[in-house]
């Protein structure tokens, strides 16, 4: 008679930084969140445990653990986390922050806007807008005036999101949107890291600044929606799909509050992340002449001086790898959190229900077992054979599983076309004395908006 199988091994208890009484690791996180994340993963392995304020939290960095959380057991890890409460104060209850049936319904409504055929049409809008920025760079190159590359990338990607997803020209709104989002981004991170959880309702200058910035964004979005309601027709873009959709049971259309949440989500998430990745790409190309030369050789071979089209994107292989490697080193979303519903085991470690669970693309995408010499900029890490040899979740700038970013293909095509259009003619060079460093706000921007001289190829 066969003997019964041995009982499963008890899950291990994760170790982690001790922190201080009451505040836990808050002081270290506020001082240097990126360094703290890297040190914690290096010292404590695939799952670390610590106190963030009074609550228990875990940091999961191993690809198998990430697959468990983001894909295999995704229902046990929810967005009922105070970081998403902060996000809802900015964008409302859109695709980024919603859950359950609400999220699933909105996701199904939005999906057709990102189908391949629609992306080809969007490519024309992307290149046309980038060509206009190219003319401004040409003027700066001739005059010797510096440009702020982060500012340029933000304005360009915001314009593209407005035209491609909302069928609206938002160029007149760029300065107001950028200024408002900067305030909200800085405050959201500061409030989170100081556990300032109350809504911004006090009559203080700090809370008033938050309310003013939020009001500015909502006014812009309300104008976009009101203008489109005057010509309520299917234009094939995302806003049309949301505005014309009817509830299957009631037949009601989406009200303005829900529309505002979706438009705000796509406006901010859709331009901020791509602009940040592109800004780092320009920096990394300047610092690495070899990859920059290979990029220029590909552009000359594929395009020969003409503007790119959607048909060129599959042939701009190295250009896309430059973008992917930039996203590896400086992922715009550098850390994200979930609430653990029930006790679980992740990578053999106990994870208790009611805790927070943190994941960091910035850390995982630097693990030396998957990324040799991890700080080196090497776009050839993304050749097909090297991608196939790595675990799926060794690289997750767009997350993964059912909650993977709906706009990942949009962003990669957009970034590839923008790089191809501008890098054919220009090489931004950072002004003397300026050294970009990562600034961990809501996204991982370079500090100082990248002041650069535009030099000709």
Protein backbone atom coordinates (compact mmCIF):
# COMPACT_ATOMS: atom_id res chain seq x y z
CA UNK A 1 0.00 0.00 0.00
CA UNK A 2 1.38 3.41 -0.99
CA UNK A 3 2.25 5.72 1.86
CA UNK A 4 0.37 9.05 1.97
CA UNK A 5 2.14 12.08 0.50
CA UNK A 6 4.04 14.21 2.99
CA UNK A 7 2.18 17.27 4.25
CA UNK A 8 3.07 20.51 2.50
CA UNK A 9 5.85 22.47 4.10
CA UNK A 10 4.72 25.34 6.29
CA UNK A 11 5.25 28.71 4.61
CA UNK A 12 8.30 30.62 5.73
CA UNK A 13 8.08 33.94 7.56
CA UNK A 14 9.58 36.73 5.50
CA UNK A 15 12.24 38.95 7.03
CA UNK A 16 12.65 42.64 6.37
CA UNK A 17 13.90 46.01 7.62
CA UNK A 18 12.84 46.66 11.20
CA UNK A 19 12.00 50.34 10.98
CA UNK A 20 10.97 52.43 13.96
CA UNK A 21 8.10 52.08 16.46
CA UNK A 22 4.75 53.34 15.18
CA UNK A 23 6.05 54.72 11.85
CA UNK A 24 7.87 51.58 10.68
CA UNK A 25 9.97 52.22 7.56
CA UNK A 26 8.28 55.53 6.72
CA UNK A 27 11.35 57.63 7.47
CA UNK A 28 13.61 55.58 5.18
CA UNK A 29 11.03 55.53 2.39
CA UNK A 30 10.58 59.30 2.55
CA UNK A 31 14.34 59.82 2.49
CA UNK A 32 15.14 57.60 -0.53
CA UNK A 33 12.37 55.32 -1.75
CA UNK A 34 14.30 53.88 -4.72
CA UNK A 35 17.39 53.11 -2.66
CA UNK A 36 15.24 51.63 0.09
CA UNK A 37 13.45 49.33 -2.35
CA UNK A 38 16.73 48.09 -3.86
CA UNK A 39 18.38 47.53 -0.47
CA UNK A 40 15.35 45.73 0.94
CA UNK A 41 15.12 43.32 -2.00
CA UNK A 42 18.88 42.66 -1.98
CA UNK A 43 18.95 41.96 1.76
CA UNK A 44 15.73 39.99 2.19
CA UNK A 45 15.08 38.13 -1.04
CA UNK A 46 11.94 37.56 -3.11
CA UNK A 47 9.48 38.48 -0.33
CA UNK A 48 10.30 41.01 2.40
CA UNK A 49 8.10 42.02 5.33
CA UNK A 50 8.02 45.37 7.13
CA UNK A 51 5.83 47.92 8.86
CA UNK A 52 4.64 50.90 6.86
CA UNK A 53 3.24 53.10 9.57
CA UNK A 54 1.11 50.89 11.80
CA UNK A 55 0.27 48.39 9.04
CA UNK A 56 2.04 45.26 7.86
CA UNK A 57 3.36 45.24 4.28
CA UNK A 58 5.26 42.92 1.97
CA UNK A 59 7.56 43.63 -0.97
CA UNK A 60 7.40 40.94 -3.69
CA UNK A 61 10.11 41.15 -6.35
CA UNK A 62 10.51 37.65 -7.81
CA UNK A 63 8.83 37.07 -11.21
CA UNK A 64 6.99 33.97 -9.97
CA UNK A 65 5.61 35.90 -7.03
CA UNK A 66 4.47 38.67 -9.34
CA UNK A 67 2.76 36.14 -11.61
CA UNK A 68 0.98 34.76 -8.55
CA UNK A 69 -0.27 38.20 -7.49
CA UNK A 70 -1.03 39.81 -10.85
CA UNK A 71 -2.30 36.80 -12.75
CA UNK A 72 -2.91 33.48 -10.99
CA UNK A 73 -4.53 34.75 -7.76
CA UNK A 74 -5.44 38.25 -8.86
CA UNK A 75 -8.79 38.28 -7.00
CA UNK A 76 -6.98 38.02 -3.66
CA UNK A 77 -5.07 41.25 -4.31
CA UNK A 78 -7.36 44.24 -4.68
CA UNK A 79 -7.17 47.99 -5.16
CA UNK A 80 -8.81 48.61 -1.79
CA UNK A 81 -5.53 50.24 -0.81
CA UNK A 82 -5.00 53.77 0.39
CA UNK A 83 -2.69 54.54 -2.54
CA UNK A 84 -5.70 54.07 -4.82
CA UNK A 85 -7.82 56.20 -2.51
CA UNK A 86 -5.31 58.97 -3.28
CA UNK A 87 -5.56 58.24 -7.01
CA UNK A 88 -9.37 58.42 -6.91
CA UNK A 89 -9.13 61.95 -5.54
CA UNK A 90 -7.32 62.86 -8.76
CA UNK A 91 -8.96 60.80 -11.52
CA UNK A 92 -12.18 59.50 -9.98
CA UNK A 93 -13.34 55.93 -10.51
CA UNK A 94 -11.98 55.19 -14.00
CA UNK A 95 -10.21 52.17 -15.45
CA UNK A 96 -7.14 52.77 -13.31
CA UNK A 97 -8.95 52.70 -9.97
CA UNK A 98 -12.21 50.77 -10.50
CA UNK A 99 -12.70 47.09 -9.66
CA UNK A 100 -14.99 44.14 -10.21
CA UNK A 101 -17.93 44.40 -12.60
CA UNK A 102 -17.53 48.16 -13.00
CA UNK A 103 -13.95 47.75 -14.19
CA UNK A 104 -14.81 44.79 -16.45
CA UNK A 105 -17.64 46.68 -18.16
CA UNK A 106 -15.47 49.77 -18.72
CA UNK A 107 -12.60 47.66 -20.00
CA UNK A 108 -14.85 45.96 -22.57
CA UNK A 109 -16.16 49.34 -23.71
CA UNK A 110 -12.66 50.74 -24.15
CA UNK A 111 -10.98 47.76 -25.79
CA UNK A 112 -12.12 48.41 -29.41
CA UNK A 113 -10.46 51.85 -29.35
CA UNK A 114 -7.08 50.10 -29.08
CA UNK A 115 -7.57 47.48 -31.80
CA UNK A 116 -4.82 47.20 -34.40
CA UNK A 117 -6.80 48.82 -37.23
CA UNK A 118 -7.60 51.83 -35.07
CA UNK A 119 -3.95 52.15 -34.01
CA UNK A 120 -2.94 52.54 -37.66
CA UNK A 121 -5.18 55.60 -37.95
CA UNK A 122 -3.77 56.98 -34.70
CA UNK A 123 -0.23 56.61 -36.08
CA UNK A 124 -0.91 59.38 -38.59
CA UNK A 125 -1.99 61.72 -35.81
CA UNK A 126 1.09 60.83 -33.76
CA UNK A 127 3.53 61.55 -36.59
CA UNK A 128 1.77 64.75 -37.64
CA UNK A 129 1.95 66.17 -34.11
CA UNK A 130 5.58 65.09 -33.72
CA UNK A 131 6.53 66.70 -37.05
CA UNK A 132 5.25 70.02 -35.70
CA UNK A 133 7.44 69.65 -32.60
CA UNK A 134 10.33 68.80 -34.92
CA UNK A 135 9.95 72.22 -36.54
CA UNK A 136 10.17 73.89 -33.12
CA UNK A 137 13.30 71.88 -32.36
CA UNK A 138 14.71 73.06 -35.68
CA UNK A 139 14.16 76.68 -34.65
CA UNK A 140 15.88 76.00 -31.32
CA UNK A 141 18.80 74.33 -33.08
CA UNK A 142 19.28 77.32 -35.36
CA UNK A 143 18.94 79.91 -32.60
CA UNK A 144 20.90 78.05 -29.94
CA UNK A 145 18.04 78.34 -27.43
CA UNK A 146 17.63 75.38 -25.04
CA UNK A 147 14.49 73.26 -24.87
CA UNK A 148 13.06 71.47 -21.83
CA UNK A 149 12.71 67.94 -23.15
CA UNK A 150 10.34 66.69 -20.44
CA UNK A 151 8.05 69.66 -21.06
CA UNK A 152 8.12 69.00 -24.82
CA UNK A 153 7.37 65.30 -24.42
CA UNK A 154 4.50 66.03 -22.01
CA UNK A 155 2.91 68.57 -24.33
CA UNK A 156 3.32 66.29 -27.35
CA UNK A 157 1.85 63.16 -25.74
CA UNK A 158 -1.02 65.14 -24.19
CA UNK A 159 -1.88 66.52 -27.63
CA UNK A 160 -1.75 63.01 -29.11
CA UNK A 161 -4.03 61.58 -26.41
CA UNK A 162 -6.50 64.41 -26.97
CA UNK A 163 -6.64 63.93 -30.72
CA UNK A 164 -6.38 60.13 -30.91
CA UNK A 165 -8.56 59.10 -27.97
CA UNK A 166 -10.94 62.04 -27.56
CA UNK A 167 -11.06 63.60 -31.02
CA UNK A 168 -10.26 66.95 -29.40
CA UNK A 169 -7.52 69.54 -29.80
CA UNK A 170 -6.17 70.15 -26.27
CA UNK A 171 -3.14 72.27 -27.17
CA UNK A 172 -4.65 75.34 -25.51
CA UNK A 173 -5.04 73.34 -22.28
CA UNK A 174 -1.53 71.85 -22.08
CA UNK A 175 -0.03 74.40 -19.69
CA UNK A 176 -2.98 74.32 -17.29
CA UNK A 177 -3.16 70.52 -17.28
CA UNK A 178 0.59 70.12 -16.73
CA UNK A 179 0.70 72.65 -13.89
CA UNK A 180 -2.32 71.09 -12.16
CA UNK A 181 -1.01 67.57 -12.51
CA UNK A 182 2.38 68.58 -11.10
CA UNK A 183 0.68 69.87 -7.94
CA UNK A 184 -1.46 66.75 -7.57
CA UNK A 185 1.45 64.40 -8.25
CA UNK A 186 3.71 66.00 -5.67
CA UNK A 187 0.98 66.18 -3.04
CA UNK A 188 -0.30 62.64 -3.62
CA UNK A 189 3.16 61.17 -3.03
CA UNK A 190 3.84 63.39 -0.01
CA UNK A 191 0.44 62.54 1.51
CA UNK A 192 0.99 58.82 0.96
CA UNK A 193 4.50 58.79 2.44
CA UNK A 194 3.42 60.76 5.49
CA UNK A 195 0.17 58.77 5.91
CA UNK A 196 -1.81 61.99 5.59
CA UNK A 197 -4.99 60.09 4.77
CA UNK A 198 -7.69 62.71 5.35
CA UNK A 199 -9.28 64.25 2.23
CA UNK A 200 -7.91 67.70 1.28
CA UNK A 201 -10.83 69.61 2.81
CA UNK A 202 -9.06 71.85 5.34
CA UNK A 203 -8.83 75.64 4.78
CA UNK A 204 -5.01 75.45 4.61
CA UNK A 205 -2.92 76.68 1.67
CA UNK A 206 -1.77 73.09 1.11
CA UNK A 207 -5.28 71.64 0.82
CA UNK A 208 -6.52 74.62 -1.20
CA UNK A 209 -3.74 74.05 -3.76
CA UNK A 210 -4.88 70.43 -4.15
CA UNK A 211 -8.50 71.46 -4.61
CA UNK A 212 -7.62 74.17 -7.15
CA UNK A 213 -5.51 71.77 -9.21
CA UNK A 214 -8.23 69.11 -9.13
CA UNK A 215 -10.83 71.69 -10.17
CA UNK A 216 -8.66 72.81 -13.09
CA UNK A 217 -8.39 69.27 -14.45
CA UNK A 218 -12.10 68.63 -14.08
CA UNK A 219 -12.95 71.91 -15.82
CA UNK A 220 -10.79 70.92 -18.79
CA UNK A 221 -12.40 67.50 -18.99
CA UNK A 222 -15.91 68.94 -18.60
CA UNK A 223 -15.24 71.24 -21.58
CA UNK A 224 -14.05 68.29 -23.68
CA UNK A 225 -17.18 66.30 -22.84
CA UNK A 226 -19.55 69.25 -23.38
CA UNK A 227 -18.02 69.99 -26.76
CA UNK A 228 -18.35 66.39 -27.87
CA UNK A 229 -21.98 66.20 -26.71
CA UNK A 230 -22.77 68.91 -29.26
CA UNK A 231 -21.73 66.52 -32.04
CA UNK A 232 -22.69 63.18 -30.54
CA UNK A 233 -21.64 60.78 -33.26
CA UNK A 234 -19.39 57.76 -33.53
CA UNK A 235 -15.96 59.02 -34.53
CA UNK A 236 -14.29 55.71 -33.73
CA UNK A 237 -12.36 57.11 -30.79
CA UNK A 238 -12.47 56.16 -27.13
CA UNK A 239 -14.68 59.03 -26.03
CA UNK A 240 -17.27 58.19 -28.70
CA UNK A 241 -17.43 54.61 -27.45
CA UNK A 242 -17.96 55.70 -23.87
CA UNK A 243 -20.53 58.38 -24.74
CA UNK A 244 -22.63 56.20 -27.05
CA UNK A 245 -22.57 53.01 -24.97
CA UNK A 246 -25.79 52.03 -23.23
CA UNK A 247 -26.26 49.90 -20.14
CA UNK A 248 -27.45 46.44 -21.20
CA UNK A 249 -30.14 46.36 -18.51
CA UNK A 250 -31.36 49.96 -18.22
CA UNK A 251 -30.43 51.37 -21.63
CA UNK A 252 -28.97 54.43 -19.89
CA UNK A 253 -25.85 56.09 -21.21
CA UNK A 254 -22.81 56.86 -19.08
CA UNK A 255 -23.33 59.97 -16.96
CA UNK A 256 -20.87 62.87 -16.90
CA UNK A 257 -19.32 61.86 -13.58
CA UNK A 258 -18.26 58.47 -14.95
CA UNK A 259 -17.20 60.01 -18.24
CA UNK A 260 -15.01 62.50 -16.40
CA UNK A 261 -13.32 59.68 -14.50
CA UNK A 262 -12.50 57.78 -17.68
CA UNK A 263 -11.30 60.84 -19.59
CA UNK A 264 -9.13 62.00 -16.67
CA UNK A 265 -7.64 58.52 -16.32
CA UNK A 266 -6.77 58.23 -19.99
CA UNK A 267 -5.58 61.84 -20.24
CA UNK A 268 -3.15 61.59 -17.33
CA UNK A 269 -2.08 57.96 -17.53
CA UNK A 270 -2.00 58.06 -21.31
CA UNK A 271 0.40 60.98 -21.67
CA UNK A 272 2.44 61.15 -18.47
CA UNK A 273 3.88 57.63 -18.65
CA UNK A 274 4.89 57.74 -22.33
CA UNK A 275 6.37 61.22 -21.98
CA UNK A 276 8.42 60.07 -18.99
CA UNK A 277 9.75 57.02 -20.85
CA UNK A 278 10.69 59.15 -23.87
CA UNK A 279 12.45 61.70 -21.68
CA UNK A 280 14.64 58.98 -20.20
CA UNK A 281 15.28 57.55 -23.67
CA UNK A 282 16.79 60.85 -24.85
CA UNK A 283 18.99 60.96 -21.75
CA UNK A 284 20.17 57.37 -22.12
CA UNK A 285 20.92 57.79 -25.82
CA UNK A 286 23.15 60.78 -25.10
CA UNK A 287 25.00 58.81 -22.42
CA UNK A 288 25.49 55.76 -24.67
CA UNK A 289 26.96 56.61 -28.09
CA UNK A 290 26.96 53.00 -29.32
CA UNK A 291 23.20 52.44 -29.04
CA UNK A 292 22.58 55.96 -30.34
CA UNK A 293 24.64 55.18 -33.45
CA UNK A 294 22.74 51.90 -33.99
CA UNK A 295 19.43 53.77 -33.69
CA UNK A 296 20.52 56.29 -36.31
CA UNK A 297 21.68 53.53 -38.65
CA UNK A 298 18.29 51.80 -38.42
CA UNK A 299 16.40 55.04 -39.05
CA UNK A 300 18.52 55.79 -42.11
CA UNK A 301 18.02 52.27 -43.46
CA UNK A 302 14.27 51.98 -42.84
CA UNK A 303 13.11 55.57 -43.42
CA UNK A 304 15.76 57.24 -45.53
CA UNK A 305 14.78 60.67 -44.26
CA UNK A 306 11.00 60.44 -44.71
CA UNK A 307 8.44 60.49 -41.92
CA UNK A 308 7.49 57.10 -40.46
CA UNK A 309 4.09 55.45 -40.85
CA UNK A 310 2.27 52.66 -39.06
CA UNK A 311 3.62 50.22 -41.66
CA UNK A 312 7.18 51.10 -40.61
CA UNK A 313 6.67 50.25 -36.94
CA UNK A 314 7.35 46.48 -37.31
CA UNK A 315 10.63 47.31 -39.08
CA UNK A 316 11.79 49.83 -36.49
CA UNK A 317 13.04 46.98 -34.34
CA UNK A 318 15.98 48.67 -32.64
CA UNK A 319 14.00 51.88 -32.09
CA UNK A 320 11.44 49.93 -30.09
CA UNK A 321 14.21 48.17 -28.14
CA UNK A 322 15.59 51.57 -27.13
CA UNK A 323 12.18 52.42 -25.71
CA UNK A 324 11.82 49.04 -23.98
CA UNK A 325 15.26 49.31 -22.37
CA UNK A 326 14.43 52.85 -21.19
CA UNK A 327 11.25 51.44 -19.62
CA UNK A 328 13.34 48.74 -17.94
CA UNK A 329 15.76 51.13 -16.28
CA UNK A 330 13.27 53.88 -15.48
CA UNK A 331 9.73 52.47 -15.47
CA UNK A 332 7.29 55.38 -15.08
CA UNK A 333 5.28 53.36 -12.55
CA UNK A 334 8.14 52.33 -10.29
CA UNK A 335 6.10 50.87 -7.41
CA UNK A 336 2.47 49.79 -6.99
CA UNK A 337 0.46 48.32 -4.17
CA UNK A 338 -2.41 45.96 -3.47
CA UNK A 339 -4.53 45.02 -0.44
CA UNK A 340 -4.32 41.33 0.52
CA UNK A 341 -7.79 39.90 1.14
CA UNK A 342 -6.98 36.47 2.62
CA UNK A 343 -3.91 34.66 3.91
CA UNK A 344 -1.79 33.30 1.06
CA UNK A 345 1.61 31.83 0.26
CA UNK A 346 3.82 33.67 -2.24
CA UNK A 347 7.16 32.15 -3.30
CA UNK A 348 6.92 29.90 -0.23
CA UNK A 349 6.43 32.83 2.17
CA UNK A 350 3.41 33.59 4.34
CA UNK A 351 1.40 36.65 3.30
CA UNK A 352 -1.30 37.63 5.78
CA UNK A 353 -4.76 38.88 4.84
CA UNK A 354 -5.38 42.53 5.62
CA UNK A 355 -1.81 43.48 4.77
CA UNK A 356 -0.47 45.64 1.96
CA UNK A 357 1.61 44.13 -0.81
CA UNK A 358 4.06 46.21 -2.84
CA UNK A 359 5.63 45.42 -6.23
CA UNK A 360 8.36 47.39 -7.94
CA UNK A 361 9.25 47.21 -11.65
CA UNK A 362 12.24 49.40 -10.79
CA UNK A 363 13.63 46.62 -8.56
CA UNK A 364 12.59 43.49 -10.47
CA UNK A 365 13.87 44.92 -13.75
CA UNK A 366 17.30 45.24 -12.11
CA UNK A 367 17.59 41.73 -10.64
CA UNK A 368 21.03 40.55 -11.86
CA UNK A 369 19.89 36.93 -12.35
CA UNK A 370 17.68 38.14 -15.20
CA UNK A 371 19.48 41.34 -16.17
CA UNK A 372 23.31 40.93 -16.12
CA UNK A 373 25.11 44.21 -15.44
CA UNK A 374 21.67 45.68 -14.70
CA UNK A 375 22.60 49.39 -14.70
CA UNK A 376 24.03 49.21 -18.23
CA UNK A 377 21.84 50.56 -21.05
CA UNK A 378 21.62 47.76 -23.63
CA UNK A 379 18.64 47.67 -26.01
CA UNK A 380 19.76 44.26 -27.27
CA UNK A 381 18.40 42.75 -24.07
CA UNK A 382 15.12 42.74 -26.02
CA UNK A 383 16.05 40.49 -28.92
CA UNK A 384 13.44 37.73 -29.35
CA UNK A 385 15.71 34.98 -27.98
CA UNK A 386 16.59 36.95 -24.84
CA UNK A 387 12.96 37.87 -24.20
CA UNK A 388 11.93 34.21 -24.56
CA UNK A 389 14.63 33.12 -22.09
CA UNK A 390 13.36 35.36 -19.28
CA UNK A 391 10.32 34.76 -17.05
CA UNK A 392 7.30 36.78 -18.16
CA UNK A 393 7.25 38.96 -15.05
CA UNK A 394 10.96 39.78 -15.01
CA UNK A 395 9.77 42.79 -17.04
CA UNK A 396 6.42 44.42 -16.30
CA UNK A 397 6.36 48.18 -16.96
CA UNK A 398 2.76 47.76 -18.14
CA UNK A 399 1.89 45.35 -15.27
CA UNK A 400 0.31 42.09 -16.40
CA UNK A 401 -2.56 39.66 -16.07
CA UNK A 402 -6.15 40.90 -16.53
CA UNK A 403 -5.21 44.36 -15.24
CA UNK A 404 -2.40 44.89 -17.76
CA UNK A 405 -2.42 48.44 -19.10
CA UNK A 406 -5.01 48.65 -21.88
CA UNK A 407 -2.89 51.21 -23.72
CA UNK A 408 0.42 49.30 -23.80
CA UNK A 409 0.42 48.81 -27.59
CA UNK A 410 -0.70 52.43 -28.09
CA UNK A 411 2.18 53.64 -25.90
CA UNK A 412 4.84 51.47 -27.56
CA UNK A 413 3.76 52.49 -31.05
CA UNK A 414 3.57 56.15 -30.02
CA UNK A 415 7.01 56.08 -28.41
CA UNK A 416 8.56 54.32 -31.40
CA UNK A 417 7.11 56.81 -33.89
CA UNK A 418 8.10 59.85 -31.80
CA UNK A 419 11.69 58.61 -31.40
CA UNK A 420 11.92 57.78 -35.10
CA UNK A 421 10.55 61.15 -36.22
CA UNK A 422 12.76 63.30 -34.01
CA UNK A 423 15.95 61.23 -33.87
CA UNK A 424 16.25 61.31 -37.66
CA UNK A 425 17.04 65.01 -37.48
CA UNK A 426 18.18 65.89 -33.97
CA UNK A 427 20.24 64.84 -30.98
CA UNK A 428 19.26 66.59 -27.72
CA UNK A 429 22.33 67.29 -25.55
CA UNK A 430 21.88 68.18 -21.88
CA UNK A 431 23.06 71.68 -20.99
CA UNK A 432 26.41 72.00 -19.23
CA UNK A 433 26.25 71.34 -15.50
CA UNK A 434 22.94 69.47 -15.60
CA UNK A 435 22.81 65.82 -14.51
CA UNK A 436 19.40 64.11 -14.64
CA UNK A 437 18.41 62.04 -11.63
CA UNK A 438 15.14 60.17 -11.06
CA UNK A 439 12.44 62.01 -9.13
CA UNK A 440 9.98 59.49 -7.68
CA UNK A 441 6.63 61.27 -7.76
CA UNK A 442 3.54 59.52 -9.15
CA UNK A 443 5.82 58.66 -12.06
CA UNK A 444 9.60 58.41 -12.21
CA UNK A 445 10.45 61.62 -14.04
CA UNK A 446 13.95 63.03 -14.52
CA UNK A 447 14.54 66.06 -12.33
CA UNK A 448 14.68 69.52 -13.82
CA UNK A 449 12.67 68.83 -17.00
CA UNK A 450 15.85 67.95 -18.98
CA UNK A 451 17.15 71.29 -20.25
CA UNK A 452 18.89 70.47 -23.54
CA UNK A 453 20.51 72.04 -26.56
CA UNK A 454 19.10 70.66 -29.80
CA UNK A 455 21.89 69.64 -32.14
CA UNK A 456 21.48 68.51 -35.75
CA UNK A 457 22.29 64.96 -36.82
